[in-house]
Amino acid sequence: MRVGGQSTYGLPGFRWFAINAMKSAFIPFDERLAIIGNVIKPWYADQLKA
């Protein structure tokens, strides 16, 4: 596995990493879900459309 510009993962792979990292964050569950639903998923949806 490589990271960044030399990655074998595309944006969908990094989206998966970001969501799973947020699921493991040390903040309350409701806040984690809000960040995933209101920040991470919309940002990646917008990037994947472009």
PDB file of N, CA and C in Angstrom:
ATOM      1  N   MET A   1       0.837  -1.174   0.000  1.00  0.00           N
ATOM      2  CA  MET A   1       0.000   0.000   0.000  1.00  0.00           C
ATOM      3  C   MET A   1       0.882   1.237   0.000  1.00  0.00           C
ATOM      4  N   ARG A   2       0.526   2.181  -0.819  1.00  0.00           N
ATOM      5  CA  ARG A   2       1.198   3.468  -0.847  1.00  0.00           C
ATOM      6  C   ARG A   2       0.194   4.531  -0.429  1.00  0.00           C
ATOM      7  N   VAL A   3       0.699   5.663   0.008  1.00  0.00           N
ATOM      8  CA  VAL A   3      -0.187   6.719   0.495  1.00  0.00           C
ATOM      9  C   VAL A   3      -0.025   7.965  -0.361  1.00  0.00           C
ATOM     10  N   GLY A   4      -1.109   8.710  -0.506  1.00  0.00           N
ATOM     11  CA  GLY A   4      -1.062   9.987  -1.226  1.00  0.00           C
ATOM     12  C   GLY A   4      -1.049   9.801  -2.725  1.00  0.00           C
ATOM     13  N   GLY A   5      -0.224  10.580  -3.408  1.00  0.00           N
ATOM     14  CA  GLY A   5      -0.185  10.584  -4.864  1.00  0.00           C
ATOM     15  C   GLY A   5       0.222   9.251  -5.476  1.00  0.00           C
ATOM     16  N   GLN A   6       0.929   8.430  -4.736  1.00  0.00           N
ATOM     17  CA  GLN A   6       1.387   7.150  -5.248  1.00  0.00           C
ATOM     18  C   GLN A   6       0.516   5.988  -4.781  1.00  0.00           C
ATOM     19  N   SER A   7      -0.656   6.297  -4.298  1.00  0.00           N
ATOM     20  CA  SER A   7      -1.515   5.289  -3.701  1.00  0.00           C
ATOM     21  C   SER A   7      -2.129   4.357  -4.733  1.00  0.00           C
ATOM     22  N   THR A   8      -2.326   3.130  -4.333  1.00  0.00           N
ATOM     23  CA  THR A   8      -3.083   2.190  -5.147  1.00  0.00           C
ATOM     24  C   THR A   8      -4.569   2.339  -4.842  1.00  0.00           C
ATOM     25  N   TYR A   9      -4.903   3.143  -3.831  1.00  0.00           N
ATOM     26  CA  TYR A   9      -6.286   3.432  -3.475  1.00  0.00           C
ATOM     27  C   TYR A   9      -6.707   4.723  -4.156  1.00  0.00           C
ATOM     28  N   GLY A  10      -7.939   4.766  -4.613  1.00  0.00           N
ATOM     29  CA  GLY A  10      -8.479   6.009  -5.157  1.00  0.00           C
ATOM     30  C   GLY A  10      -9.297   6.710  -4.079  1.00  0.00           C
ATOM     31  N   LEU A  11     -10.068   7.697  -4.496  1.00  0.00           N
ATOM     32  CA  LEU A  11     -10.912   8.411  -3.543  1.00  0.00           C
ATOM     33  C   LEU A  11     -11.887   7.487  -2.820  1.00  0.00           C
ATOM     34  N   PRO A  12     -12.480   6.500  -3.489  1.00  0.00           N
ATOM     35  CA  PRO A  12     -13.376   5.606  -2.743  1.00  0.00           C
ATOM     36  C   PRO A  12     -12.665   4.883  -1.593  1.00  0.00           C
ATOM     37  N   GLY A  13     -11.419   4.501  -1.791  1.00  0.00           N
ATOM     38  CA  GLY A  13     -10.654   3.857  -0.733  1.00  0.00           C
ATOM     39  C   GLY A  13     -10.368   4.798   0.421  1.00  0.00           C
ATOM     40  N   PHE A  14      -9.986   6.037   0.093  1.00  0.00           N
ATOM     41  CA  PHE A  14      -9.729   7.017   1.144  1.00  0.00           C
ATOM     42  C   PHE A  14     -11.011   7.407   1.862  1.00  0.00           C
ATOM     43  N   ARG A  15     -12.145   7.399   1.148  1.00  0.00           N
ATOM     44  CA  ARG A  15     -13.450   7.654   1.782  1.00  0.00           C
ATOM     45  C   ARG A  15     -13.709   6.591   2.838  1.00  0.00           C
ATOM     46  N   TRP A  16     -13.459   5.347   2.471  1.00  0.00           N
ATOM     47  CA  TRP A  16     -13.645   4.227   3.405  1.00  0.00           C
ATOM     48  C   TRP A  16     -12.753   4.400   4.631  1.00  0.00           C
ATOM     49  N   PHE A  17     -11.477   4.762   4.404  1.00  0.00           N
ATOM     50  CA  PHE A  17     -10.552   4.988   5.523  1.00  0.00           C
ATOM     51  C   PHE A  17     -11.048   6.106   6.430  1.00  0.00           C
ATOM     52  N   ALA A  18     -11.488   7.221   5.824  1.00  0.00           N
ATOM     53  CA  ALA A  18     -11.936   8.371   6.613  1.00  0.00           C
ATOM     54  C   ALA A  18     -13.155   8.023   7.461  1.00  0.00           C
ATOM     55  N   ILE A  19     -14.101   7.320   6.873  1.00  0.00           N
ATOM     56  CA  ILE A  19     -15.310   6.946   7.618  1.00  0.00           C
ATOM     57  C   ILE A  19     -14.957   5.992   8.751  1.00  0.00           C
ATOM     58  N   ASN A  20     -14.137   5.015   8.494  1.00  0.00           N
ATOM     59  CA  ASN A  20     -13.767   4.066   9.545  1.00  0.00           C
ATOM     60  C   ASN A  20     -12.927   4.714  10.634  1.00  0.00           C
ATOM     61  N   ALA A  21     -12.081   5.654  10.264  1.00  0.00           N
ATOM     62  CA  ALA A  21     -11.313   6.376  11.280  1.00  0.00           C
ATOM     63  C   ALA A  21     -12.256   7.183  12.170  1.00  0.00           C
ATOM     64  N   MET A  22     -13.244   7.812  11.562  1.00  0.00           N
ATOM     65  CA  MET A  22     -14.191   8.608  12.347  1.00  0.00           C
ATOM     66  C   MET A  22     -15.030   7.714  13.256  1.00  0.00           C
ATOM     67  N   LYS A  23     -15.346   6.509  12.804  1.00  0.00           N
ATOM     68  CA  LYS A  23     -16.098   5.572  13.644  1.00  0.00           C
ATOM     69  C   LYS A  23     -15.311   5.200  14.900  1.00  0.00           C
ATOM     70  N   SER A  24     -13.988   5.280  14.816  1.00  0.00           N
ATOM     71  CA  SER A  24     -13.133   4.907  15.944  1.00  0.00           C
ATOM     72  C   SER A  24     -12.670   6.105  16.769  1.00  0.00           C
ATOM     73  N   ALA A  25     -13.111   7.291  16.416  1.00  0.00           N
ATOM     74  CA  ALA A  25     -12.678   8.496  17.124  1.00  0.00           C
ATOM     75  C   ALA A  25     -13.195   8.510  18.564  1.00  0.00           C
ATOM     76  N   PHE A  26     -12.460   9.186  19.423  1.00  0.00           N
ATOM     77  CA  PHE A  26     -12.814   9.261  20.841  1.00  0.00           C
ATOM     78  C   PHE A  26     -13.712  10.461  21.124  1.00  0.00           C
ATOM     79  N   ILE A  27     -14.831  10.514  20.436  1.00  0.00           N
ATOM     80  CA  ILE A  27     -15.855  11.521  20.700  1.00  0.00           C
ATOM     81  C   ILE A  27     -17.190  10.785  20.774  1.00  0.00           C
ATOM     82  N   PRO A  28     -18.211  11.397  21.346  1.00  0.00           N
ATOM     83  CA  PRO A  28     -19.497  10.719  21.479  1.00  0.00           C
ATOM     84  C   PRO A  28     -20.047  10.219  20.136  1.00  0.00           C
ATOM     85  N   PHE A  29     -20.757   9.112  20.210  1.00  0.00           N
ATOM     86  CA  PHE A  29     -21.283   8.435  19.026  1.00  0.00           C
ATOM     87  C   PHE A  29     -22.096   9.368  18.132  1.00  0.00           C
ATOM     88  N   ASP A  30     -23.003  10.134  18.710  1.00  0.00           N
ATOM     89  CA  ASP A  30     -23.844  11.028  17.911  1.00  0.00           C
ATOM     90  C   ASP A  30     -23.013  12.060  17.158  1.00  0.00           C
ATOM     91  N   GLU A  31     -21.953  12.555  17.782  1.00  0.00           N
ATOM     92  CA  GLU A  31     -21.076  13.522  17.112  1.00  0.00           C
ATOM     93  C   GLU A  31     -20.332  12.858  15.958  1.00  0.00           C
ATOM     94  N   ARG A  32     -19.887  11.625  16.172  1.00  0.00           N
ATOM     95  CA  ARG A  32     -19.208  10.896  15.087  1.00  0.00           C
ATOM     96  C   ARG A  32     -20.130  10.730  13.893  1.00  0.00           C
ATOM     97  N   LEU A  33     -21.381  10.311  14.156  1.00  0.00           N
ATOM     98  CA  LEU A  33     -22.332  10.128  13.055  1.00  0.00           C
ATOM     99  C   LEU A  33     -22.607  11.448  12.338  1.00  0.00           C
ATOM    100  N   ALA A  34     -22.700  12.529  13.092  1.00  0.00           N
ATOM    101  CA  ALA A  34     -22.946  13.837  12.483  1.00  0.00           C
ATOM    102  C   ALA A  34     -21.790  14.245  11.578  1.00  0.00           C
ATOM    103  N   ILE A  35     -20.573  14.042  12.010  1.00  0.00           N
ATOM    104  CA  ILE A  35     -19.406  14.403  11.192  1.00  0.00           C
ATOM    105  C   ILE A  35     -19.351  13.536   9.942  1.00  0.00           C
ATOM    106  N   ILE A  36     -19.617  12.251  10.100  1.00  0.00           N
ATOM    107  CA  ILE A  36     -19.618  11.358   8.934  1.00  0.00           C
ATOM    108  C   ILE A  36     -20.689  11.793   7.940  1.00  0.00           C
ATOM    109  N   GLY A  37     -21.900  12.021   8.440  1.00  0.00           N
ATOM    110  CA  GLY A  37     -23.016  12.344   7.558  1.00  0.00           C
ATOM    111  C   GLY A  37     -23.021  13.756   7.010  1.00  0.00           C
ATOM    112  N   ASN A  38     -22.476  14.716   7.768  1.00  0.00           N
ATOM    113  CA  ASN A  38     -22.543  16.118   7.360  1.00  0.00           C
ATOM    114  C   ASN A  38     -21.255  16.675   6.784  1.00  0.00           C
ATOM    115  N   VAL A  39     -20.147  15.976   6.982  1.00  0.00           N
ATOM    116  CA  VAL A  39     -18.860  16.489   6.506  1.00  0.00           C
ATOM    117  C   VAL A  39     -18.196  15.499   5.547  1.00  0.00           C
ATOM    118  N   ILE A  40     -17.898  14.307   6.033  1.00  0.00           N
ATOM    119  CA  ILE A  40     -17.100  13.356   5.247  1.00  0.00           C
ATOM    120  C   ILE A  40     -17.847  12.881   4.002  1.00  0.00           C
ATOM    121  N   LYS A  41     -19.034  12.328   4.172  1.00  0.00           N
ATOM    122  CA  LYS A  41     -19.765  11.794   3.019  1.00  0.00           C
ATOM    123  C   LYS A  41     -20.099  12.860   1.984  1.00  0.00           C
ATOM    124  N   PRO A  42     -20.596  14.057   2.398  1.00  0.00           N
ATOM    125  CA  PRO A  42     -20.862  15.074   1.366  1.00  0.00           C
ATOM    126  C   PRO A  42     -19.603  15.527   0.635  1.00  0.00           C
ATOM    127  N   TRP A  43     -18.483  15.653   1.345  1.00  0.00           N
ATOM    128  CA  TRP A  43     -17.247  16.092   0.683  1.00  0.00           C
ATOM    129  C   TRP A  43     -16.816  15.075  -0.365  1.00  0.00           C
ATOM    130  N   TYR A  44     -16.807  13.788   0.005  1.00  0.00           N
ATOM    131  CA  TYR A  44     -16.395  12.773  -0.958  1.00  0.00           C
ATOM    132  C   TYR A  44     -17.396  12.642  -2.097  1.00  0.00           C
ATOM    133  N   ALA A  45     -18.703  12.786  -1.829  1.00  0.00           N
ATOM    134  CA  ALA A  45     -19.703  12.740  -2.900  1.00  0.00           C
ATOM    135  C   ALA A  45     -19.438  13.843  -3.909  1.00  0.00           C
ATOM    136  N   ASP A  46     -19.126  15.042  -3.422  1.00  0.00           N
ATOM    137  CA  ASP A  46     -18.840  16.165  -4.303  1.00  0.00           C
ATOM    138  C   ASP A  46     -17.572  15.907  -5.118  1.00  0.00           C
ATOM    139  N   GLN A  47     -16.552  15.378  -4.482  1.00  0.00           N
ATOM    140  CA  GLN A  47     -15.274  15.112  -5.175  1.00  0.00           C
ATOM    141  C   GLN A  47     -15.424  14.016  -6.211  1.00  0.00           C
ATOM    142  N   LEU A  48     -16.214  13.010  -5.914  1.00  0.00           N
ATOM    143  CA  LEU A  48     -16.381  11.884  -6.847  1.00  0.00           C
ATOM    144  C   LEU A  48     -17.239  12.258  -8.056  1.00  0.00           C
ATOM    145  N   LYS A  49     -18.072  13.308  -7.925  1.00  0.00           N
ATOM    146  CA  LYS A  49     -18.858  13.788  -9.065  1.00  0.00           C
ATOM    147  C   LYS A  49     -17.986  14.520 -10.059  1.00  0.00           C
ATOM    148  N   ALA A  50     -16.951  15.177  -9.569  1.00  0.00           N
ATOM    149  CA  ALA A  50     -16.108  16.037 -10.427  1.00  0.00           C
ATOM    150  C   ALA A  50     -15.285  15.240 -11.410  1.00  0.00           C
TER     151      ALA A  50
END
